PDB file of N, CA and C in Angstrom:
ATOM      1  N   MET A   1     111.780 134.819  99.593  1.00  0.00           N
ATOM      2  CA  MET A   1     112.489 135.508  98.547  1.00  0.00           C
ATOM      3  C   MET A   1     113.047 136.788  99.173  1.00  0.00           C
ATOM      4  N   ILE A   2     112.209 137.556  99.898  1.00  0.00           N
ATOM      5  CA  ILE A   2     112.653 138.916 100.474  1.00  0.00           C
ATOM      6  C   ILE A   2     113.602 138.604 101.540  1.00  0.00           C
ATOM      7  N   GLU A   3     113.437 137.568 102.378  1.00  0.00           N
ATOM      8  CA  GLU A   3     114.341 137.205 103.402  1.00  0.00           C
ATOM      9  C   GLU A   3     115.755 136.962 102.867  1.00  0.00           C
ATOM     10  N   THR A   4     115.766 136.233 101.695  1.00  0.00           N
ATOM     11  CA  THR A   4     116.999 135.855 101.006  1.00  0.00           C
ATOM     12  C   THR A   4     117.741 137.079 100.518  1.00  0.00           C
ATOM     13  N   LEU A   5     117.024 138.027  99.934  1.00  0.00           N
ATOM     14  CA  LEU A   5     117.692 139.277  99.482  1.00  0.00           C
ATOM     15  C   LEU A   5     118.184 140.074 100.736  1.00  0.00           C
ATOM     16  N   ALA A   6     117.435 140.100 101.758  1.00  0.00           N
ATOM     17  CA  ALA A   6     117.805 140.869 102.942  1.00  0.00           C
ATOM     18  C   ALA A   6     119.078 140.256 103.528  1.00  0.00           C
ATOM     19  N   ILE A   7     119.160 138.959 103.556  1.00  0.00           N
ATOM     20  CA  ILE A   7     120.300 138.262 104.153  1.00  0.00           C
ATOM     21  C   ILE A   7     121.571 138.516 103.272  1.00  0.00           C
ATOM     22  N   ILE A   8     121.336 138.472 101.931  1.00  0.00           N
ATOM     23  CA  ILE A   8     122.479 138.632 100.969  1.00  0.00           C
ATOM     24  C   ILE A   8     122.972 140.081 101.137  1.00  0.00           C
ATOM     25  N   SER A   9     122.052 141.089 101.278  1.00  0.00           N
ATOM     26  CA  SER A   9     122.490 142.459 101.366  1.00  0.00           C
ATOM     27  C   SER A   9     123.240 142.628 102.723  1.00  0.00           C
ATOM     28  N   LEU A  10     122.791 142.049 103.783  1.00  0.00           N
ATOM     29  CA  LEU A  10     123.391 142.160 105.074  1.00  0.00           C
ATOM     30  C   LEU A  10     124.766 141.515 105.138  1.00  0.00           C
ATOM     31  N   VAL A  11     124.932 140.423 104.392  1.00  0.00           N
ATOM     32  CA  VAL A  11     126.193 139.659 104.435  1.00  0.00           C
ATOM     33  C   VAL A  11     127.211 140.168 103.418  1.00  0.00           C
ATOM     34  N   VAL A  12     126.762 140.584 102.264  1.00  0.00           N
ATOM     35  CA  VAL A  12     127.659 140.999 101.217  1.00  0.00           C
ATOM     36  C   VAL A  12     127.754 142.529 101.095  1.00  0.00           C
ATOM     37  N   ILE A  13     126.607 143.130 100.819  1.00  0.00           N
ATOM     38  CA  ILE A  13     126.607 144.568 100.469  1.00  0.00           C
ATOM     39  C   ILE A  13     126.917 145.504 101.622  1.00  0.00           C
ATOM     40  N   ALA A  14     126.424 145.206 102.786  1.00  0.00           N
ATOM     41  CA  ALA A  14     126.609 146.129 103.968  1.00  0.00           C
ATOM     42  C   ALA A  14     128.083 146.123 104.344  1.00  0.00           C
ATOM     43  N   PRO A  15     128.725 144.965 104.478  1.00  0.00           N
ATOM     44  CA  PRO A  15     130.177 145.048 104.852  1.00  0.00           C
ATOM     45  C   PRO A  15     131.071 145.750 103.749  1.00  0.00           C
ATOM     46  N   LEU A  16     130.699 145.438 102.454  1.00  0.00           N
ATOM     47  CA  LEU A  16     131.409 146.105 101.435  1.00  0.00           C
ATOM     48  C   LEU A  16     131.209 147.647 101.450  1.00  0.00           C
ATOM     49  N   ALA A  17     129.979 148.072 101.749  1.00  0.00           N
ATOM     50  CA  ALA A  17     129.710 149.510 101.776  1.00  0.00           C
ATOM     51  C   ALA A  17     130.482 150.118 102.980  1.00  0.00           C
ATOM     52  N   ILE A  18     130.586 149.434 104.066  1.00  0.00           N
ATOM     53  CA  ILE A  18     131.334 149.938 105.256  1.00  0.00           C
ATOM     54  C   ILE A  18     132.769 150.022 104.909  1.00  0.00           C
ATOM     55  N   ILE A  19     133.339 148.999 104.378  1.00  0.00           N
ATOM     56  CA  ILE A  19     134.761 148.973 103.955  1.00  0.00           C
ATOM     57  C   ILE A  19     135.066 150.166 103.049  1.00  0.00           C
ATOM     58  N   LEU A  20     134.252 150.362 101.965  1.00  0.00           N
ATOM     59  CA  LEU A  20     134.521 151.376 101.010  1.00  0.00           C
ATOM     60  C   LEU A  20     134.403 152.774 101.669  1.00  0.00           C
ATOM     61  N   HIS A  21     133.475 152.915 102.599  1.00  0.00           N
ATOM     62  CA  HIS A  21     133.253 154.146 103.350  1.00  0.00           C
ATOM     63  C   HIS A  21     134.583 154.519 104.098  1.00  0.00           C
ATOM     64  N   TYR A  22     135.102 153.589 104.838  1.00  0.00           N
ATOM     65  CA  TYR A  22     136.242 153.891 105.601  1.00  0.00           C
ATOM     66  C   TYR A  22     137.559 153.965 104.788  1.00  0.00           C
ATOM     67  N   VAL A  23     137.627 153.278 103.710  1.00  0.00           N
ATOM     68  CA  VAL A  23     138.735 153.433 102.733  1.00  0.00           C
ATOM     69  C   VAL A  23     138.648 154.876 102.158  1.00  0.00           C
ATOM     70  N   THR A  24     137.576 155.448 101.804  1.00  0.00           N
ATOM     71  CA  THR A  24     137.397 156.792 101.304  1.00  0.00           C
ATOM     72  C   THR A  24     137.831 157.778 102.409  1.00  0.00           C
ATOM     73  N   LYS A  25     137.357 157.538 103.594  1.00  0.00           N
ATOM     74  CA  LYS A  25     137.777 158.470 104.760  1.00  0.00           C
ATOM     75  C   LYS A  25     139.308 158.400 105.003  1.00  0.00           C
ATOM     76  N   TRP A  26     139.881 157.192 104.832  1.00  0.00           N
ATOM     77  CA  TRP A  26     141.301 157.053 105.092  1.00  0.00           C
ATOM     78  C   TRP A  26     142.051 157.804 103.981  1.00  0.00           C
ATOM     79  N   LYS A  27     141.640 157.763 102.750  1.00  0.00           N
ATOM     80  CA  LYS A  27     142.309 158.416 101.691  1.00  0.00           C
ATOM     81  C   LYS A  27     142.161 159.959 101.826  1.00  0.00           C
ATOM     82  N   GLN A  28     141.015 160.422 102.351  1.00  0.00           N
ATOM     83  CA  GLN A  28     140.872 161.856 102.544  1.00  0.00           C
ATOM     84  C   GLN A  28     141.765 162.370 103.601  1.00  0.00           C
ATOM     85  N   THR A  29     142.061 161.563 104.666  1.00  0.00           N
ATOM     86  CA  THR A  29     142.852 162.069 105.765  1.00  0.00           C
ATOM     87  C   THR A  29     144.329 161.654 105.554  1.00  0.00           C
ATOM     88  N   GLY A  30     144.676 161.237 104.345  1.00  0.00           N
ATOM     89  CA  GLY A  30     146.019 160.818 104.121  1.00  0.00           C
ATOM     90  C   GLY A  30     147.060 162.009 104.124  1.00  0.00           C
ATOM     91  N   VAL A  31     146.590 163.150 104.043  1.00  0.00           N
ATOM     92  CA  VAL A  31     147.435 164.380 104.034  1.00  0.00           C
ATOM     93  C   VAL A  31     147.320 165.016 105.421  1.00  0.00           C
ATOM     94  N   LEU A  32     148.351 165.781 105.707  1.00  0.00           N
ATOM     95  CA  LEU A  32     148.387 166.450 106.971  1.00  0.00           C
ATOM     96  C   LEU A  32     147.534 167.772 106.944  1.00  0.00           C
ATOM     97  N   SER A  33     146.800 167.995 107.989  1.00  0.00           N
ATOM     98  CA  SER A  33     146.075 169.220 108.066  1.00  0.00           C
ATOM     99  C   SER A  33     147.045 170.375 108.442  1.00  0.00           C
ATOM    100  N   GLY A  34     146.604 171.529 108.349  1.00  0.00           N
ATOM    101  CA  GLY A  34     147.459 172.681 108.718  1.00  0.00           C
ATOM    102  C   GLY A  34     147.817 172.696 110.205  1.00  0.00           C
ATOM    103  N   GLU A  35     146.886 172.239 111.012  1.00  0.00           N
ATOM    104  CA  GLU A  35     147.181 172.075 112.460  1.00  0.00           C
ATOM    105  C   GLU A  35     148.299 171.045 112.651  1.00  0.00           C
ATOM    106  N   ASP A  36     148.178 169.920 111.956  1.00  0.00           N
ATOM    107  CA  ASP A  36     149.120 168.843 112.165  1.00  0.00           C
ATOM    108  C   ASP A  36     150.477 169.252 111.650  1.00  0.00           C
ATOM    109  N   GLU A  37     150.554 170.083 110.556  1.00  0.00           N
ATOM    110  CA  GLU A  37     151.800 170.589 110.130  1.00  0.00           C
ATOM    111  C   GLU A  37     152.454 171.522 111.078  1.00  0.00           C
ATOM    112  N   LYS A  38     151.626 172.335 111.739  1.00  0.00           N
ATOM    113  CA  LYS A  38     152.208 173.319 112.680  1.00  0.00           C
ATOM    114  C   LYS A  38     152.695 172.602 113.943  1.00  0.00           C
ATOM    115  N   MET A  39     151.919 171.505 114.383  1.00  0.00           N
ATOM    116  CA  MET A  39     152.440 170.727 115.522  1.00  0.00           C
ATOM    117  C   MET A  39     153.702 169.996 115.152  1.00  0.00           C
ATOM    118  N   LEU A  40     153.859 169.451 114.030  1.00  0.00           N
ATOM    119  CA  LEU A  40     155.029 168.801 113.508  1.00  0.00           C
ATOM    120  C   LEU A  40     156.214 169.794 113.508  1.00  0.00           C
ATOM    121  N   GLN A  41     155.978 170.994 113.012  1.00  0.00           N
ATOM    122  CA  GLN A  41     157.105 171.949 112.960  1.00  0.00           C
ATOM    123  C   GLN A  41     157.439 172.390 114.364  1.00  0.00           C
ATOM    124  N   ASP A  42     156.497 172.546 115.253  1.00  0.00           N
ATOM    125  CA  ASP A  42     156.825 172.872 116.708  1.00  0.00           C
ATOM    126  C   ASP A  42     157.651 171.758 117.323  1.00  0.00           C
ATOM    127  N   LEU A  43     157.250 170.523 117.060  1.00  0.00           N
ATOM    128  CA  LEU A  43     158.086 169.371 117.659  1.00  0.00           C
ATOM    129  C   LEU A  43     159.471 169.396 117.073  1.00  0.00           C
ATOM    130  N   TRP A  44     159.611 169.654 115.743  1.00  0.00           N
ATOM    131  CA  TRP A  44     160.885 169.750 115.109  1.00  0.00           C
ATOM    132  C   TRP A  44     161.728 170.828 115.760  1.00  0.00           C
ATOM    133  N   ASP A  45     161.190 171.988 115.997  1.00  0.00           N
ATOM    134  CA  ASP A  45     161.899 173.082 116.658  1.00  0.00           C
ATOM    135  C   ASP A  45     162.381 172.681 118.046  1.00  0.00           C
ATOM    136  N   ILE A  46     161.435 172.152 118.790  1.00  0.00           N
ATOM    137  CA  ILE A  46     161.735 171.689 120.217  1.00  0.00           C
ATOM    138  C   ILE A  46     162.863 170.730 120.243  1.00  0.00           C
ATOM    139  N   SER A  47     162.811 169.747 119.246  1.00  0.00           N
ATOM    140  CA  SER A  47     163.856 168.719 119.223  1.00  0.00           C
ATOM    141  C   SER A  47     165.231 169.320 118.971  1.00  0.00           C
ATOM    142  N   HIS A  48     165.272 170.301 118.107  1.00  0.00           N
ATOM    143  CA  HIS A  48     166.551 170.964 117.813  1.00  0.00           C
ATOM    144  C   HIS A  48     167.054 171.776 119.014  1.00  0.00           C
ATOM    145  N   ARG A  49     166.153 172.407 119.729  1.00  0.00           N
ATOM    146  CA  ARG A  49     166.534 173.133 120.947  1.00  0.00           C
ATOM    147  C   ARG A  49     167.053 172.176 122.057  1.00  0.00           C
ATOM    148  N   MET A  50     166.381 171.060 122.129  1.00  0.00           N
ATOM    149  CA  MET A  50     166.792 170.030 123.079  1.00  0.00           C
ATOM    150  C   MET A  50     168.198 169.473 122.739  1.00  0.00           C
ATOM    151  N   GLU A  51     168.422 169.245 121.352  1.00  0.00           N
ATOM    152  CA  GLU A  51     169.741 168.755 120.996  1.00  0.00           C
ATOM    153  C   GLU A  51     170.876 169.820 121.279  1.00  0.00           C
ATOM    154  N   SER A  52     170.557 171.080 121.115  1.00  0.00           N
ATOM    155  CA  SER A  52     171.514 172.097 121.401  1.00  0.00           C
ATOM    156  C   SER A  52     171.742 172.106 122.879  1.00  0.00           C
ATOM    157  N   ARG A  53     170.830 171.926 123.718  1.00  0.00           N
ATOM    158  CA  ARG A  53     171.033 171.927 125.205  1.00  0.00           C
ATOM    159  C   ARG A  53     171.864 170.712 125.592  1.00  0.00           C
ATOM    160  N   VAL A  54     171.525 169.586 125.038  1.00  0.00           N
ATOM    161  CA  VAL A  54     172.307 168.339 125.367  1.00  0.00           C
ATOM    162  C   VAL A  54     173.794 168.569 124.948  1.00  0.00           C
ATOM    163  N   ASN A  55     174.022 169.131 123.767  1.00  0.00           N
ATOM    164  CA  ASN A  55     175.333 169.415 123.326  1.00  0.00           C
ATOM    165  C   ASN A  55     176.081 170.324 124.285  1.00  0.00           C
ATOM    166  N   THR A  56     175.368 171.427 124.765  1.00  0.00           N
ATOM    167  CA  THR A  56     175.969 172.317 125.679  1.00  0.00           C
ATOM    168  C   THR A  56     176.325 171.598 127.014  1.00  0.00           C
ATOM    169  N   LEU A  57     175.405 170.829 127.469  1.00  0.00           N
ATOM    170  CA  LEU A  57     175.624 170.060 128.726  1.00  0.00           C
ATOM    171  C   LEU A  57     176.865 169.146 128.570  1.00  0.00           C
ATOM    172  N   GLU A  58     176.942 168.429 127.446  1.00  0.00           N
ATOM    173  CA  GLU A  58     178.047 167.572 127.249  1.00  0.00           C
ATOM    174  C   GLU A  58     179.344 168.348 127.201  1.00  0.00           C
ATOM    175  N   THR A  59     179.329 169.511 126.582  1.00  0.00           N
ATOM    176  CA  THR A  59     180.503 170.274 126.507  1.00  0.00           C
ATOM    177  C   THR A  59     180.969 170.749 127.918  1.00  0.00           C
ATOM    178  N   ILE A  60     180.044 171.196 128.758  1.00  0.00           N
ATOM    179  CA  ILE A  60     180.284 171.480 130.110  1.00  0.00           C
ATOM    180  C   ILE A  60     180.810 170.300 130.809  1.00  0.00           C
ATOM    181  N   LEU A  61     180.208 169.221 130.789  1.00  0.00           N
ATOM    182  CA  LEU A  61     180.719 168.005 131.510  1.00  0.00           C
ATOM    183  C   LEU A  61     182.089 167.546 130.930  1.00  0.00           C
ATOM    184  N   ASP A  62     182.377 167.707 129.680  1.00  0.00           N
ATOM    185  CA  ASP A  62     183.650 167.370 129.176  1.00  0.00           C
ATOM    186  C   ASP A  62     184.801 168.250 129.795  1.00  0.00           C
ATOM    187  N   GLU A  63     184.463 169.520 130.042  1.00  0.00           N
ATOM    188  CA  GLU A  63     185.339 170.420 130.703  1.00  0.00           C
ATOM    189  C   GLU A  63     185.494 170.234 132.190  1.00  0.00           C
ATOM    190  N   GLU A  64     184.322 169.956 132.832  1.00  0.00           N
ATOM    191  CA  GLU A  64     184.389 169.755 134.340  1.00  0.00           C
ATOM    192  C   GLU A  64     184.823 168.392 134.756  1.00  0.00           C
ATOM    193  N   ILE A  65     184.331 167.338 134.083  1.00  0.00           N
ATOM    194  CA  ILE A  65     184.615 165.983 134.436  1.00  0.00           C
ATOM    195  C   ILE A  65     185.027 165.190 133.165  1.00  0.00           C
ATOM    196  N   PRO A  66     186.256 165.242 132.786  1.00  0.00           N
ATOM    197  CA  PRO A  66     186.692 164.650 131.506  1.00  0.00           C
ATOM    198  C   PRO A  66     186.320 163.209 131.281  1.00  0.00           C
ATOM    199  N   ASP A  67     186.316 162.326 132.318  1.00  0.00           N
ATOM    200  CA  ASP A  67     185.989 160.972 132.040  1.00  0.00           C
ATOM    201  C   ASP A  67     184.543 160.567 132.447  1.00  0.00           C
ATOM    202  N   TRP A  68     183.599 161.550 132.367  1.00  0.00           N
ATOM    203  CA  TRP A  68     182.206 161.304 132.724  1.00  0.00           C
ATOM    204  C   TRP A  68     181.573 160.169 131.865  1.00  0.00           C
ATOM    205  N   ARG A  69     181.969 160.182 130.563  1.00  0.00           N
ATOM    206  CA  ARG A  69     181.391 159.213 129.659  1.00  0.00           C
ATOM    207  C   ARG A  69     181.721 157.757 129.952  1.00  0.00           C
ATOM    208  N   SER A  70     182.900 157.527 130.465  1.00  0.00           N
ATOM    209  CA  SER A  70     183.281 156.157 130.787  1.00  0.00           C
ATOM    210  C   SER A  70     182.646 155.658 132.114  1.00  0.00           C
ATOM    211  N   ARG A  71     182.208 156.559 132.872  1.00  0.00           N
ATOM    212  CA  ARG A  71     181.539 156.207 134.147  1.00  0.00           C
ATOM    213  C   ARG A  71     180.195 155.558 134.008  1.00  0.00           C
ATOM    214  N   ALA A  72     179.474 155.926 132.934  1.00  0.00           N
ATOM    215  CA  ALA A  72     178.105 155.525 132.798  1.00  0.00           C
ATOM    216  C   ALA A  72     177.918 154.081 132.399  1.00  0.00           C
TER     217      ALA A  72
END
């Protein structure tokens, strides 16, 4: 009888408890932390600076080598 209860608890209750534990953890981490928000903002700023640089380089290339786009 005790062995049967132990087997049932290991087969049914333990996996259910583990799943519920990780679902709870997942829901708690569903929001961004302050550090994550700062990193995301930094990446956003960097991407805008890179876009500006690429636009500047394209403008320079358009003036220096007008048909550079068709060569690629």
